Amino acid sequence: MFRVWGKIFKDNHMLADTTICDGGDDSRTHKIFHALDEICYQFDLSKPIWLESNIREFKRHAKTRFRQDSFVDEVDFDFLEFQVIEED
């Protein structure tokens, strides 16, 4: 099972969270992008842009934070945290 945890934070408080589970046969990359799409759909957000800092952080820790500069639209939170919590 592949699981990703998405959390929205504002002023150091978690406002919302969700866990996406994927038991499919897709590649890890496809599962990551699918999970991010599903998290954005559940939170009614536009899809964030993966900046170089996000890619480096995600490669190192399997976790990254998307701040305002990753979103085209204005967001009313400090960051969206995206973390892989279980891999096949």
C-alpha atoms as a PDB file:
ATOM      1  CA  MET A   1       0.000   0.000   0.000  1.00  0.00           C
ATOM      2  CA  PHE A   2       1.210   3.493  -0.868  1.00  0.00           C
ATOM      3  CA  ARG A   3      -0.064   6.255   1.433  1.00  0.00           C
ATOM      4  CA  VAL A   4       0.405  10.010   1.327  1.00  0.00           C
ATOM      5  CA  TRP A   5      -0.595  12.479   4.022  1.00  0.00           C
ATOM      6  CA  GLY A   6      -1.637  15.987   3.004  1.00  0.00           C
ATOM      7  CA  LYS A   7      -1.949  18.733   5.635  1.00  0.00           C
ATOM      8  CA  ILE A   8      -2.823  22.424   5.507  1.00  0.00           C
ATOM      9  CA  PHE A   9      -1.217  24.704   8.098  1.00  0.00           C
ATOM     10  CA  LYS A  10      -1.808  28.307   9.102  1.00  0.00           C
ATOM     11  CA  ASP A  11      -0.078  30.052  12.028  1.00  0.00           C
ATOM     12  CA  ASN A  12       1.498  26.735  13.116  1.00  0.00           C
ATOM     13  CA  HIS A  13      -1.924  25.053  13.422  1.00  0.00           C
ATOM     14  CA  MET A  14      -3.126  22.220  11.238  1.00  0.00           C
ATOM     15  CA  LEU A  15      -6.407  23.301   9.647  1.00  0.00           C
ATOM     16  CA  ALA A  16      -7.146  20.168   7.608  1.00  0.00           C
ATOM     17  CA  ASP A  17      -5.595  16.866   6.684  1.00  0.00           C
ATOM     18  CA  THR A  18      -6.304  13.850   4.521  1.00  0.00           C
ATOM     19  CA  THR A  19      -4.647  10.556   3.701  1.00  0.00           C
ATOM     20  CA  ILE A  20      -4.604   9.146   0.189  1.00  0.00           C
ATOM     21  CA  CYS A  21      -4.123   5.389  -0.246  1.00  0.00           C
ATOM     22  CA  ASP A  22      -3.100   3.809  -3.538  1.00  0.00           C
ATOM     23  CA  GLY A  23      -2.753   0.061  -3.969  1.00  0.00           C
ATOM     24  CA  GLY A  24      -2.398   0.178  -7.747  1.00  0.00           C
ATOM     25  CA  ASP A  25       0.435  -1.022  -9.961  1.00  0.00           C
ATOM     26  CA  ASP A  26       1.508   2.414 -11.193  1.00  0.00           C
ATOM     27  CA  SER A  27       5.038   3.700 -10.738  1.00  0.00           C
ATOM     28  CA  ARG A  28       5.958   5.649  -7.603  1.00  0.00           C
ATOM     29  CA  THR A  29       6.011   8.884  -9.596  1.00  0.00           C
ATOM     30  CA  HIS A  30       2.491   8.311 -10.926  1.00  0.00           C
ATOM     31  CA  LYS A  31       1.248   7.504  -7.419  1.00  0.00           C
ATOM     32  CA  ILE A  32       2.778  10.713  -6.067  1.00  0.00           C
ATOM     33  CA  PHE A  33       1.180  12.898  -8.740  1.00  0.00           C
ATOM     34  CA  HIS A  34      -2.157  11.106  -8.403  1.00  0.00           C
ATOM     35  CA  ALA A  35      -2.094  11.604  -4.609  1.00  0.00           C
ATOM     36  CA  LEU A  36      -1.296  15.318  -5.001  1.00  0.00           C
ATOM     37  CA  ASP A  37      -4.158  15.679  -7.503  1.00  0.00           C
ATOM     38  CA  GLU A  38      -6.549  13.956  -5.084  1.00  0.00           C
ATOM     39  CA  ILE A  39      -5.426  16.083  -2.116  1.00  0.00           C
ATOM     40  CA  CYS A  40      -5.923  19.267  -4.133  1.00  0.00           C
ATOM     41  CA  TYR A  41      -9.353  18.050  -5.233  1.00  0.00           C
ATOM     42  CA  GLN A  42     -10.409  17.294  -1.639  1.00  0.00           C
ATOM     43  CA  PHE A  43      -9.146  20.666  -0.374  1.00  0.00           C
ATOM     44  CA  ASP A  44     -10.510  22.522  -3.452  1.00  0.00           C
ATOM     45  CA  LEU A  45      -7.082  23.873  -4.412  1.00  0.00           C
ATOM     46  CA  SER A  46      -5.345  24.478  -7.693  1.00  0.00           C
ATOM     47  CA  LYS A  47      -2.425  22.139  -8.315  1.00  0.00           C
ATOM     48  CA  PRO A  48       0.861  23.527  -6.975  1.00  0.00           C
ATOM     49  CA  ILE A  49       3.964  23.914  -9.102  1.00  0.00           C
ATOM     50  CA  TRP A  50       6.938  21.749  -8.111  1.00  0.00           C
ATOM     51  CA  LEU A  51       9.757  24.256  -7.587  1.00  0.00           C
ATOM     52  CA  GLU A  52      13.397  23.135  -7.386  1.00  0.00           C
ATOM     53  CA  SER A  53      13.313  23.530  -3.605  1.00  0.00           C
ATOM     54  CA  ASN A  54      10.268  21.225  -3.425  1.00  0.00           C
ATOM     55  CA  ILE A  55      11.933  18.595  -5.577  1.00  0.00           C
ATOM     56  CA  ARG A  56      15.164  18.634  -3.516  1.00  0.00           C
ATOM     57  CA  GLU A  57      13.274  18.469  -0.219  1.00  0.00           C
ATOM     58  CA  PHE A  58      11.007  15.664  -1.461  1.00  0.00           C
ATOM     59  CA  LYS A  59      13.932  13.591  -2.751  1.00  0.00           C
ATOM     60  CA  ARG A  60      15.728  13.955   0.573  1.00  0.00           C
ATOM     61  CA  HIS A  61      12.865  13.422   3.043  1.00  0.00           C
ATOM     62  CA  ALA A  62       9.831  12.130   1.059  1.00  0.00           C
ATOM     63  CA  LYS A  63       8.129  15.300   2.311  1.00  0.00           C
ATOM     64  CA  THR A  64       7.758  18.852   1.032  1.00  0.00           C
ATOM     65  CA  ARG A  65       5.842  22.034   1.772  1.00  0.00           C
ATOM     66  CA  PHE A  66       4.071  23.972  -0.945  1.00  0.00           C
ATOM     67  CA  ARG A  67       3.893  27.649   0.010  1.00  0.00           C
ATOM     68  CA  GLN A  68       2.118  30.535  -1.733  1.00  0.00           C
ATOM     69  CA  ASP A  69       4.835  30.782  -4.390  1.00  0.00           C
ATOM     70  CA  SER A  70       3.934  27.264  -5.616  1.00  0.00           C
ATOM     71  CA  PHE A  71       0.304  28.188  -6.277  1.00  0.00           C
ATOM     72  CA  VAL A  72      -1.025  30.316  -9.122  1.00  0.00           C
ATOM     73  CA  ASP A  73      -4.128  31.257  -7.109  1.00  0.00           C
ATOM     74  CA  GLU A  74      -4.110  33.078  -3.783  1.00  0.00           C
ATOM     75  CA  VAL A  75      -4.304  30.653  -0.832  1.00  0.00           C
ATOM     76  CA  ASP A  76      -5.477  31.450   2.698  1.00  0.00           C
ATOM     77  CA  PHE A  77      -2.987  29.227   4.531  1.00  0.00           C
ATOM     78  CA  ASP A  78       0.769  29.205   5.125  1.00  0.00           C
ATOM     79  CA  PHE A  79       1.629  25.906   3.430  1.00  0.00           C
ATOM     80  CA  LEU A  80       0.390  22.558   2.206  1.00  0.00           C
ATOM     81  CA  GLU A  81       2.553  19.748   3.548  1.00  0.00           C
ATOM     82  CA  PHE A  82       2.804  16.653   1.355  1.00  0.00           C
ATOM     83  CA  GLN A  83       4.401  13.540   2.889  1.00  0.00           C
ATOM     84  CA  VAL A  84       4.749   9.897   1.876  1.00  0.00           C
ATOM     85  CA  ILE A  85       4.001   7.860   5.006  1.00  0.00           C
ATOM     86  CA  GLU A  86       3.999   4.324   3.605  1.00  0.00           C
ATOM     87  CA  GLU A  87       5.434   2.721   0.499  1.00  0.00           C
ATOM     88  CA  ASP A  88       4.909  -0.693  -1.061  1.00  0.00           C
END
